[in-house]
mmCIF file of all heavy atoms, coordinates in Angstrom:
data_MODEL
# 
_entry.id   MODEL 
# 
loop_
_atom_site.group_PDB 
_atom_site.id 
_atom_site.type_symbol 
_atom_site.label_atom_id 
_atom_site.label_alt_id 
_atom_site.label_comp_id 
_atom_site.label_asym_id 
_atom_site.label_entity_id 
_atom_site.label_seq_id 
_atom_site.pdbx_PDB_ins_code 
_atom_site.Cartn_x 
_atom_site.Cartn_y 
_atom_site.Cartn_z 
_atom_site.occupancy 
_atom_site.B_iso_or_equiv 
_atom_site.pdbx_formal_charge 
_atom_site.auth_seq_id 
_atom_site.auth_comp_id 
_atom_site.auth_asym_id 
_atom_site.auth_atom_id 
_atom_site.pdbx_PDB_model_num 
ATOM 1   N N   . GLU A 1 1  ? 0.877  -1.229 0.038  1.00 0.00 ? 1  GLU A N   1 
ATOM 2   C CA  . GLU A 1 1  ? 0.022  -0.027 0.046  1.00 0.00 ? 1  GLU A CA  1 
ATOM 3   C C   . GLU A 1 1  ? 0.857  1.264  -0.064 1.00 0.00 ? 1  GLU A C   1 
ATOM 4   O O   . GLU A 1 1  ? 0.441  2.266  -0.490 1.00 0.00 ? 1  GLU A O   1 
ATOM 5   C CB  . GLU A 1 1  ? -0.925 0.040  1.267  1.00 0.00 ? 1  GLU A CB  1 
ATOM 6   C CG  . GLU A 1 1  ? -2.086 -1.031 1.211  1.00 0.00 ? 1  GLU A CG  1 
ATOM 7   C CD  . GLU A 1 1  ? -3.071 -0.695 -0.038 1.00 0.00 ? 1  GLU A CD  1 
ATOM 8   O OE1 . GLU A 1 1  ? -3.594 0.340  0.013  1.00 0.00 ? 1  GLU A OE1 1 
ATOM 9   O OE2 . GLU A 1 1  ? -3.215 -1.681 -0.766 1.00 0.00 ? 1  GLU A OE2 1 
ATOM 10  N N   . VAL A 1 2  ? 1.996  1.193  0.566  1.00 0.00 ? 2  VAL A N   1 
ATOM 11  C CA  . VAL A 1 2  ? 2.971  2.293  0.632  1.00 0.00 ? 2  VAL A CA  1 
ATOM 12  C C   . VAL A 1 2  ? 4.294  1.967  0.131  1.00 0.00 ? 2  VAL A C   1 
ATOM 13  O O   . VAL A 1 2  ? 4.835  0.899  0.479  1.00 0.00 ? 2  VAL A O   1 
ATOM 14  C CB  . VAL A 1 2  ? 3.029  2.844  2.077  1.00 0.00 ? 2  VAL A CB  1 
ATOM 15  C CG1 . VAL A 1 2  ? 4.067  3.988  2.178  1.00 0.00 ? 2  VAL A CG1 1 
ATOM 16  C CG2 . VAL A 1 2  ? 1.736  3.173  2.632  1.00 0.00 ? 2  VAL A CG2 1 
ATOM 17  N N   . ASP A 1 3  ? 4.802  2.563  -0.838 1.00 0.00 ? 3  ASP A N   1 
ATOM 18  C CA  . ASP A 1 3  ? 6.178  2.296  -1.398 1.00 0.00 ? 3  ASP A CA  1 
ATOM 19  C C   . ASP A 1 3  ? 7.267  2.910  -0.514 1.00 0.00 ? 3  ASP A C   1 
ATOM 20  O O   . ASP A 1 3  ? 7.055  3.753  0.358  1.00 0.00 ? 3  ASP A O   1 
ATOM 21  C CB  . ASP A 1 3  ? 6.225  2.618  -2.842 1.00 0.00 ? 3  ASP A CB  1 
ATOM 22  C CG  . ASP A 1 3  ? 6.128  4.109  -3.139 1.00 0.00 ? 3  ASP A CG  1 
ATOM 23  O OD1 . ASP A 1 3  ? 6.421  4.986  -2.272 1.00 0.00 ? 3  ASP A OD1 1 
ATOM 24  O OD2 . ASP A 1 3  ? 5.545  4.422  -4.308 1.00 0.00 ? 3  ASP A OD2 1 
ATOM 25  N N   . THR A 1 4  ? 8.481  2.612  -0.975 1.00 0.00 ? 4  THR A N   1 
ATOM 26  C CA  . THR A 1 4  ? 9.654  3.052  -0.134 1.00 0.00 ? 4  THR A CA  1 
ATOM 27  C C   . THR A 1 4  ? 9.835  4.522  -0.104 1.00 0.00 ? 4  THR A C   1 
ATOM 28  O O   . THR A 1 4  ? 10.087 5.133  0.829  1.00 0.00 ? 4  THR A O   1 
ATOM 29  C CB  . THR A 1 4  ? 10.861 2.439  -0.660 1.00 0.00 ? 4  THR A CB  1 
ATOM 30  O OG1 . THR A 1 4  ? 10.805 0.986  -0.576 1.00 0.00 ? 4  THR A OG1 1 
ATOM 31  C CG2 . THR A 1 4  ? 12.168 2.847  0.056  1.00 0.00 ? 4  THR A CG2 1 
ATOM 32  N N   . ASP A 1 5  ? 9.504  5.219  -1.292 1.00 0.00 ? 5  ASP A N   1 
ATOM 33  C CA  . ASP A 1 5  ? 9.687  6.641  -1.419 1.00 0.00 ? 5  ASP A CA  1 
ATOM 34  C C   . ASP A 1 5  ? 8.672  7.263  -0.549 1.00 0.00 ? 5  ASP A C   1 
ATOM 35  O O   . ASP A 1 5  ? 9.007  8.371  0.171  1.00 0.00 ? 5  ASP A O   1 
ATOM 36  C CB  . ASP A 1 5  ? 9.417  7.140  -2.899 1.00 0.00 ? 5  ASP A CB  1 
ATOM 37  C CG  . ASP A 1 5  ? 10.566 6.729  -3.776 1.00 0.00 ? 5  ASP A CG  1 
ATOM 38  O OD1 . ASP A 1 5  ? 11.639 6.459  -3.233 1.00 0.00 ? 5  ASP A OD1 1 
ATOM 39  O OD2 . ASP A 1 5  ? 10.365 6.649  -4.959 1.00 0.00 ? 5  ASP A OD2 1 
ATOM 40  N N   . GLU A 1 6  ? 7.478  6.812  -0.444 1.00 0.00 ? 6  GLU A N   1 
ATOM 41  C CA  . GLU A 1 6  ? 6.344  7.389  0.386  1.00 0.00 ? 6  GLU A CA  1 
ATOM 42  C C   . GLU A 1 6  ? 6.827  7.330  1.872  1.00 0.00 ? 6  GLU A C   1 
ATOM 43  O O   . GLU A 1 6  ? 6.605  8.185  2.672  1.00 0.00 ? 6  GLU A O   1 
ATOM 44  C CB  . GLU A 1 6  ? 5.013  6.724  0.259  1.00 0.00 ? 6  GLU A CB  1 
ATOM 45  C CG  . GLU A 1 6  ? 4.357  7.066  -1.125 1.00 0.00 ? 6  GLU A CG  1 
ATOM 46  C CD  . GLU A 1 6  ? 2.993  6.332  -1.246 1.00 0.00 ? 6  GLU A CD  1 
ATOM 47  O OE1 . GLU A 1 6  ? 3.002  5.120  -1.545 1.00 0.00 ? 6  GLU A OE1 1 
ATOM 48  O OE2 . GLU A 1 6  ? 2.022  6.971  -1.165 1.00 0.00 ? 6  GLU A OE2 1 
ATOM 49  N N   . LEU A 1 7  ? 7.399  6.164  2.282  1.00 0.00 ? 7  LEU A N   1 
ATOM 50  C CA  . LEU A 1 7  ? 7.901  5.988  3.665  1.00 0.00 ? 7  LEU A CA  1 
ATOM 51  C C   . LEU A 1 7  ? 8.974  6.963  3.945  1.00 0.00 ? 7  LEU A C   1 
ATOM 52  O O   . LEU A 1 7  ? 8.931  7.526  4.982  1.00 0.00 ? 7  LEU A O   1 
ATOM 53  C CB  . LEU A 1 7  ? 8.501  4.521  3.849  1.00 0.00 ? 7  LEU A CB  1 
ATOM 54  C CG  . LEU A 1 7  ? 7.395  3.498  3.942  1.00 0.00 ? 7  LEU A CG  1 
ATOM 55  C CD1 . LEU A 1 7  ? 8.032  2.124  3.970  1.00 0.00 ? 7  LEU A CD1 1 
ATOM 56  C CD2 . LEU A 1 7  ? 6.569  3.609  5.259  1.00 0.00 ? 7  LEU A CD2 1 
ATOM 57  N N   . LYS A 1 8  ? 9.836  7.282  2.968  1.00 0.00 ? 8  LYS A N   1 
ATOM 58  C CA  . LYS A 1 8  ? 10.892 8.212  3.180  1.00 0.00 ? 8  LYS A CA  1 
ATOM 59  C C   . LYS A 1 8  ? 10.476 9.598  3.428  1.00 0.00 ? 8  LYS A C   1 
ATOM 60  O O   . LYS A 1 8  ? 10.923 10.430 4.174  1.00 0.00 ? 8  LYS A O   1 
ATOM 61  C CB  . LYS A 1 8  ? 11.875 8.167  2.039  1.00 0.00 ? 8  LYS A CB  1 
ATOM 62  C CG  . LYS A 1 8  ? 12.777 6.942  1.975  1.00 0.00 ? 8  LYS A CG  1 
ATOM 63  C CD  . LYS A 1 8  ? 13.679 6.951  0.815  1.00 0.00 ? 8  LYS A CD  1 
ATOM 64  C CE  . LYS A 1 8  ? 14.655 5.755  0.847  1.00 0.00 ? 8  LYS A CE  1 
ATOM 65  N NZ  . LYS A 1 8  ? 15.538 5.763  -0.385 1.00 0.00 ? 8  LYS A NZ  1 
ATOM 66  N N   . LYS A 1 9  ? 9.287  9.931  2.739  1.00 0.00 ? 9  LYS A N   1 
ATOM 67  C CA  . LYS A 1 9  ? 8.701  11.306 2.731  1.00 0.00 ? 9  LYS A CA  1 
ATOM 68  C C   . LYS A 1 9  ? 8.050  11.616 4.134  1.00 0.00 ? 9  LYS A C   1 
ATOM 69  O O   . LYS A 1 9  ? 7.875  12.760 4.476  1.00 0.00 ? 9  LYS A O   1 
ATOM 70  C CB  . LYS A 1 9  ? 7.621  11.516 1.613  1.00 0.00 ? 9  LYS A CB  1 
ATOM 71  C CG  . LYS A 1 9  ? 8.286  11.526 0.273  1.00 0.00 ? 9  LYS A CG  1 
ATOM 72  C CD  . LYS A 1 9  ? 7.214  11.646 -0.803 1.00 0.00 ? 9  LYS A CD  1 
ATOM 73  C CE  . LYS A 1 9  ? 7.821  11.674 -2.218 1.00 0.00 ? 9  LYS A CE  1 
ATOM 74  N NZ  . LYS A 1 9  ? 6.760  11.734 -3.251 1.00 0.00 ? 9  LYS A NZ  1 
ATOM 75  N N   . SER A 1 10 ? 7.671  10.549 4.746  1.00 0.00 ? 10 SER A N   1 
ATOM 76  C CA  . SER A 1 10 ? 7.074  10.627 6.133  1.00 0.00 ? 10 SER A CA  1 
ATOM 77  C C   . SER A 1 10 ? 8.137  10.805 7.147  1.00 0.00 ? 10 SER A C   1 
ATOM 78  O O   . SER A 1 10 ? 8.373  9.931  7.982  1.00 0.00 ? 10 SER A O   1 
ATOM 79  C CB  . SER A 1 10 ? 6.184  9.454  6.406  1.00 0.00 ? 10 SER A CB  1 
ATOM 80  O OG  . SER A 1 10 ? 5.358  9.729  7.548  1.00 0.00 ? 10 SER A OG  1 
ATOM 81  N N   . GLU A 1 11 ? 8.737  11.919 7.224  1.00 0.00 ? 11 GLU A N   1 
ATOM 82  C CA  . GLU A 1 11 ? 9.901  12.204 7.964  1.00 0.00 ? 11 GLU A CA  1 
ATOM 83  C C   . GLU A 1 11 ? 9.722  12.234 9.549  1.00 0.00 ? 11 GLU A C   1 
ATOM 84  O O   . GLU A 1 11 ? 10.619 12.021 10.350 1.00 0.00 ? 11 GLU A O   1 
ATOM 85  C CB  . GLU A 1 11 ? 10.661 13.466 7.516  1.00 0.00 ? 11 GLU A CB  1 
ATOM 86  C CG  . GLU A 1 11 ? 11.212 13.418 6.131  1.00 0.00 ? 11 GLU A CG  1 
ATOM 87  C CD  . GLU A 1 11 ? 11.837 14.708 5.615  1.00 0.00 ? 11 GLU A CD  1 
ATOM 88  O OE1 . GLU A 1 11 ? 11.699 15.736 6.525  1.00 0.00 ? 11 GLU A OE1 1 
ATOM 89  O OE2 . GLU A 1 11 ? 12.463 14.696 4.506  1.00 0.00 ? 11 GLU A OE2 1 
ATOM 90  N N   . LYS A 1 12 ? 8.473  12.542 9.918  1.00 0.00 ? 12 LYS A N   1 
ATOM 91  C CA  . LYS A 1 12 ? 8.220  12.629 11.302 1.00 0.00 ? 12 LYS A CA  1 
ATOM 92  C C   . LYS A 1 12 ? 7.518  11.393 11.862 1.00 0.00 ? 12 LYS A C   1 
ATOM 93  O O   . LYS A 1 12 ? 7.053  11.351 12.990 1.00 0.00 ? 12 LYS A O   1 
ATOM 94  C CB  . LYS A 1 12 ? 7.236  13.774 11.549 1.00 0.00 ? 12 LYS A CB  1 
ATOM 95  C CG  . LYS A 1 12 ? 7.894  15.171 11.200 1.00 0.00 ? 12 LYS A CG  1 
ATOM 96  C CD  . LYS A 1 12 ? 6.976  16.384 11.422 1.00 0.00 ? 12 LYS A CD  1 
ATOM 97  C CE  . LYS A 1 12 ? 7.723  17.680 11.124 1.00 0.00 ? 12 LYS A CE  1 
ATOM 98  N NZ  . LYS A 1 12 ? 6.865  18.782 11.474 1.00 0.00 ? 12 LYS A NZ  1 
ATOM 99  N N   . LEU A 1 13 ? 7.580  10.317 11.121 1.00 0.00 ? 13 LEU A N   1 
ATOM 100 C CA  . LEU A 1 13 ? 7.036  9.039  11.511 1.00 0.00 ? 13 LEU A CA  1 
ATOM 101 C C   . LEU A 1 13 ? 8.116  8.139  12.042 1.00 0.00 ? 13 LEU A C   1 
ATOM 102 O O   . LEU A 1 13 ? 9.034  7.843  11.372 1.00 0.00 ? 13 LEU A O   1 
ATOM 103 C CB  . LEU A 1 13 ? 6.252  8.376  10.423 1.00 0.00 ? 13 LEU A CB  1 
ATOM 104 C CG  . LEU A 1 13 ? 5.760  6.962  10.556 1.00 0.00 ? 13 LEU A CG  1 
ATOM 105 C CD1 . LEU A 1 13 ? 4.735  6.754  11.674 1.00 0.00 ? 13 LEU A CD1 1 
ATOM 106 C CD2 . LEU A 1 13 ? 5.112  6.385  9.210  1.00 0.00 ? 13 LEU A CD2 1 
ATOM 107 N N   . VAL A 1 14 ? 7.890  7.507  13.212 1.00 0.00 ? 14 VAL A N   1 
ATOM 108 C CA  . VAL A 1 14 ? 8.748  6.452  13.762 1.00 0.00 ? 14 VAL A CA  1 
ATOM 109 C C   . VAL A 1 14 ? 7.945  5.218  13.975 1.00 0.00 ? 14 VAL A C   1 
ATOM 110 O O   . VAL A 1 14 ? 6.721  5.258  14.288 1.00 0.00 ? 14 VAL A O   1 
ATOM 111 C CB  . VAL A 1 14 ? 9.480  6.951  15.075 1.00 0.00 ? 14 VAL A CB  1 
ATOM 112 C CG1 . VAL A 1 14 ? 10.370 8.109  14.724 1.00 0.00 ? 14 VAL A CG1 1 
ATOM 113 C CG2 . VAL A 1 14 ? 8.470  7.268  16.137 1.00 0.00 ? 14 VAL A CG2 1 
ATOM 114 N N   . PHE A 1 15 ? 8.531  4.085  13.943 1.00 0.00 ? 15 PHE A N   1 
ATOM 115 C CA  . PHE A 1 15 ? 7.913  2.800  14.119 1.00 0.00 ? 15 PHE A CA  1 
ATOM 116 C C   . PHE A 1 15 ? 8.344  2.126  15.399 1.00 0.00 ? 15 PHE A C   1 
ATOM 117 O O   . PHE A 1 15 ? 9.531  2.176  15.747 1.00 0.00 ? 15 PHE A O   1 
ATOM 118 C CB  . PHE A 1 15 ? 8.084  1.882  12.962 1.00 0.00 ? 15 PHE A CB  1 
ATOM 119 C CG  . PHE A 1 15 ? 7.641  2.393  11.689 1.00 0.00 ? 15 PHE A CG  1 
ATOM 120 C CD1 . PHE A 1 15 ? 8.503  2.769  10.667 1.00 0.00 ? 15 PHE A CD1 1 
ATOM 121 C CD2 . PHE A 1 15 ? 6.266  2.548  11.413 1.00 0.00 ? 15 PHE A CD2 1 
ATOM 122 C CE1 . PHE A 1 15 ? 7.997  3.380  9.386  1.00 0.00 ? 15 PHE A CE1 1 
ATOM 123 C CE2 . PHE A 1 15 ? 5.845  3.029  10.259 1.00 0.00 ? 15 PHE A CE2 1 
ATOM 124 C CZ  . PHE A 1 15 ? 6.689  3.319  9.222  1.00 0.00 ? 15 PHE A CZ  1 
ATOM 125 N N   . SER A 1 16 ? 7.459  1.464  16.166 1.00 0.00 ? 16 SER A N   1 
ATOM 126 C CA  . SER A 1 16 ? 7.820  0.864  17.344 1.00 0.00 ? 16 SER A CA  1 
ATOM 127 C C   . SER A 1 16 ? 6.838  -0.349 17.760 1.00 0.00 ? 16 SER A C   1 
ATOM 128 O O   . SER A 1 16 ? 5.581  -0.197 17.415 1.00 0.00 ? 16 SER A O   1 
ATOM 129 C CB  . SER A 1 16 ? 7.867  1.801  18.534 1.00 0.00 ? 16 SER A CB  1 
ATOM 130 O OG  . SER A 1 16 ? 8.192  1.187  19.790 1.00 0.00 ? 16 SER A OG  1 
ATOM 131 N N   . ASN A 1 17 ? 7.331  -1.336 18.390 1.00 0.00 ? 17 ASN A N   1 
ATOM 132 C CA  . ASN A 1 17 ? 6.473  -2.303 19.122 1.00 0.00 ? 17 ASN A CA  1 
ATOM 133 C C   . ASN A 1 17 ? 6.601  -2.206 20.604 1.00 0.00 ? 17 ASN A C   1 
ATOM 134 O O   . ASN A 1 17 ? 6.193  -3.196 21.335 1.00 0.00 ? 17 ASN A O   1 
ATOM 135 C CB  . ASN A 1 17 ? 6.747  -3.694 18.553 1.00 0.00 ? 17 ASN A CB  1 
ATOM 136 C CG  . ASN A 1 17 ? 8.100  -4.165 18.864 1.00 0.00 ? 17 ASN A CG  1 
ATOM 137 O OD1 . ASN A 1 17 ? 9.081  -3.396 19.040 1.00 0.00 ? 17 ASN A OD1 1 
ATOM 138 N ND2 . ASN A 1 17 ? 8.352  -5.455 18.820 1.00 0.00 ? 17 ASN A ND2 1 
ATOM 139 N N   . ASP A 1 18 ? 7.111  -1.119 21.141 1.00 0.00 ? 18 ASP A N   1 
ATOM 140 C CA  . ASP A 1 18 ? 7.481  -0.978 22.553 1.00 0.00 ? 18 ASP A CA  1 
ATOM 141 C C   . ASP A 1 18 ? 6.330  0.004  23.075 1.00 0.00 ? 18 ASP A C   1 
ATOM 142 O O   . ASP A 1 18 ? 6.287  1.094  22.663 1.00 0.00 ? 18 ASP A O   1 
ATOM 143 C CB  . ASP A 1 18 ? 8.778  -0.460 22.784 1.00 0.00 ? 18 ASP A CB  1 
ATOM 144 C CG  . ASP A 1 18 ? 9.220  -0.354 24.242 1.00 0.00 ? 18 ASP A CG  1 
ATOM 145 O OD1 . ASP A 1 18 ? 8.311  -0.473 25.185 1.00 0.00 ? 18 ASP A OD1 1 
ATOM 146 O OD2 . ASP A 1 18 ? 10.411 -0.104 24.475 1.00 0.00 ? 18 ASP A OD2 1 
ATOM 147 N N   . ILE A 1 19 ? 5.561  -0.510 24.038 1.00 0.00 ? 19 ILE A N   1 
ATOM 148 C CA  . ILE A 1 19 ? 4.479  0.430  24.648 1.00 0.00 ? 19 ILE A CA  1 
ATOM 149 C C   . ILE A 1 19 ? 5.010  1.715  25.238 1.00 0.00 ? 19 ILE A C   1 
ATOM 150 O O   . ILE A 1 19 ? 4.344  2.776  25.189 1.00 0.00 ? 19 ILE A O   1 
ATOM 151 C CB  . ILE A 1 19 ? 3.668  -0.360 25.617 1.00 0.00 ? 19 ILE A CB  1 
ATOM 152 C CG1 . ILE A 1 19 ? 2.962  -1.644 25.031 1.00 0.00 ? 19 ILE A CG1 1 
ATOM 153 C CG2 . ILE A 1 19 ? 2.664  0.484  26.409 1.00 0.00 ? 19 ILE A CG2 1 
ATOM 154 C CD1 . ILE A 1 19 ? 2.335  -2.442 26.050 1.00 0.00 ? 19 ILE A CD1 1 
ATOM 155 N N   . ALA A 1 20 ? 6.242  1.617  25.717 1.00 0.00 ? 20 ALA A N   1 
ATOM 156 C CA  . ALA A 1 20 ? 6.882  2.819  26.341 1.00 0.00 ? 20 ALA A CA  1 
ATOM 157 C C   . ALA A 1 20 ? 6.940  4.018  25.280 1.00 0.00 ? 20 ALA A C   1 
ATOM 158 O O   . ALA A 1 20 ? 6.895  5.139  25.707 1.00 0.00 ? 20 ALA A O   1 
ATOM 159 C CB  . ALA A 1 20 ? 8.241  2.490  26.791 1.00 0.00 ? 20 ALA A CB  1 
ATOM 160 N N   . ASP A 1 21 ? 6.971  3.690  24.029 1.00 0.00 ? 21 ASP A N   1 
ATOM 161 C CA  . ASP A 1 21 ? 7.206  4.647  22.970 1.00 0.00 ? 21 ASP A CA  1 
ATOM 162 C C   . ASP A 1 21 ? 5.943  5.473  22.707 1.00 0.00 ? 21 ASP A C   1 
ATOM 163 O O   . ASP A 1 21 ? 6.013  6.524  22.040 1.00 0.00 ? 21 ASP A O   1 
ATOM 164 C CB  . ASP A 1 21 ? 7.826  3.999  21.676 1.00 0.00 ? 21 ASP A CB  1 
ATOM 165 C CG  . ASP A 1 21 ? 9.180  3.576  21.901 1.00 0.00 ? 21 ASP A CG  1 
ATOM 166 O OD1 . ASP A 1 21 ? 9.897  4.138  22.766 1.00 0.00 ? 21 ASP A OD1 1 
ATOM 167 O OD2 . ASP A 1 21 ? 9.668  2.681  21.182 1.00 0.00 ? 21 ASP A OD2 1 
ATOM 168 N N   . ILE A 1 22 ? 4.788  4.972  23.239 1.00 0.00 ? 22 ILE A N   1 
ATOM 169 C CA  . ILE A 1 22 ? 3.561  5.596  22.903 1.00 0.00 ? 22 ILE A CA  1 
ATOM 170 C C   . ILE A 1 22 ? 2.978  6.220  24.287 1.00 0.00 ? 22 ILE A C   1 
ATOM 171 O O   . ILE A 1 22 ? 1.968  6.833  24.172 1.00 0.00 ? 22 ILE A O   1 
ATOM 172 C CB  . ILE A 1 22 ? 2.491  4.800  22.315 1.00 0.00 ? 22 ILE A CB  1 
ATOM 173 C CG1 . ILE A 1 22 ? 2.017  3.682  23.184 1.00 0.00 ? 22 ILE A CG1 1 
ATOM 174 C CG2 . ILE A 1 22 ? 2.939  4.180  20.998 1.00 0.00 ? 22 ILE A CG2 1 
ATOM 175 C CD1 . ILE A 1 22 ? 0.850  2.740  22.772 1.00 0.00 ? 22 ILE A CD1 1 
ATOM 176 N N   . ALA A 1 23 ? 3.770  6.177  25.365 1.00 0.00 ? 23 ALA A N   1 
ATOM 177 C CA  . ALA A 1 23 ? 3.273  6.558  26.555 1.00 0.00 ? 23 ALA A CA  1 
ATOM 178 C C   . ALA A 1 23 ? 3.026  8.102  26.718 1.00 0.00 ? 23 ALA A C   1 
ATOM 179 O O   . ALA A 1 23 ? 2.259  8.531  27.430 1.00 0.00 ? 23 ALA A O   1 
ATOM 180 C CB  . ALA A 1 23 ? 4.223  6.106  27.787 1.00 0.00 ? 23 ALA A CB  1 
ATOM 181 N N   . ASP A 1 24 ? 3.913  8.856  25.938 1.00 0.00 ? 24 ASP A N   1 
ATOM 182 C CA  . ASP A 1 24 ? 3.735  10.303 26.091 1.00 0.00 ? 24 ASP A CA  1 
ATOM 183 C C   . ASP A 1 24 ? 2.911  10.898 24.962 1.00 0.00 ? 24 ASP A C   1 
ATOM 184 O O   . ASP A 1 24 ? 2.781  12.051 24.783 1.00 0.00 ? 24 ASP A O   1 
ATOM 185 C CB  . ASP A 1 24 ? 5.099  10.987 25.999 1.00 0.00 ? 24 ASP A CB  1 
ATOM 186 C CG  . ASP A 1 24 ? 5.919  10.739 24.670 1.00 0.00 ? 24 ASP A CG  1 
ATOM 187 O OD1 . ASP A 1 24 ? 5.441  9.817  23.969 1.00 0.00 ? 24 ASP A OD1 1 
ATOM 188 O OD2 . ASP A 1 24 ? 6.920  11.474 24.490 1.00 0.00 ? 24 ASP A OD2 1 
ATOM 189 N N   . CYS A 1 25 ? 2.163  9.945  24.168 1.00 0.00 ? 25 CYS A N   1 
ATOM 190 C CA  . CYS A 1 25 ? 1.227  10.426 23.164 1.00 0.00 ? 25 CYS A CA  1 
ATOM 191 C C   . CYS A 1 25 ? -0.119 10.982 23.807 1.00 0.00 ? 25 CYS A C   1 
ATOM 192 O O   . CYS A 1 25 ? -0.302 10.447 25.066 1.00 0.00 ? 25 CYS A O   1 
ATOM 193 C CB  . CYS A 1 25 ? 0.992  9.431  22.155 1.00 0.00 ? 25 CYS A CB  1 
ATOM 194 S SG  . CYS A 1 25 ? 2.402  8.989  21.106 1.00 0.00 ? 25 CYS A SG  1 
# 
């Protein structure tokens, strides 16, 4: 659904499977 170029353009997106990383959202 999303190609590599689109992923690169999303510069403020980070990926995680650690709950601690969403705690301050």
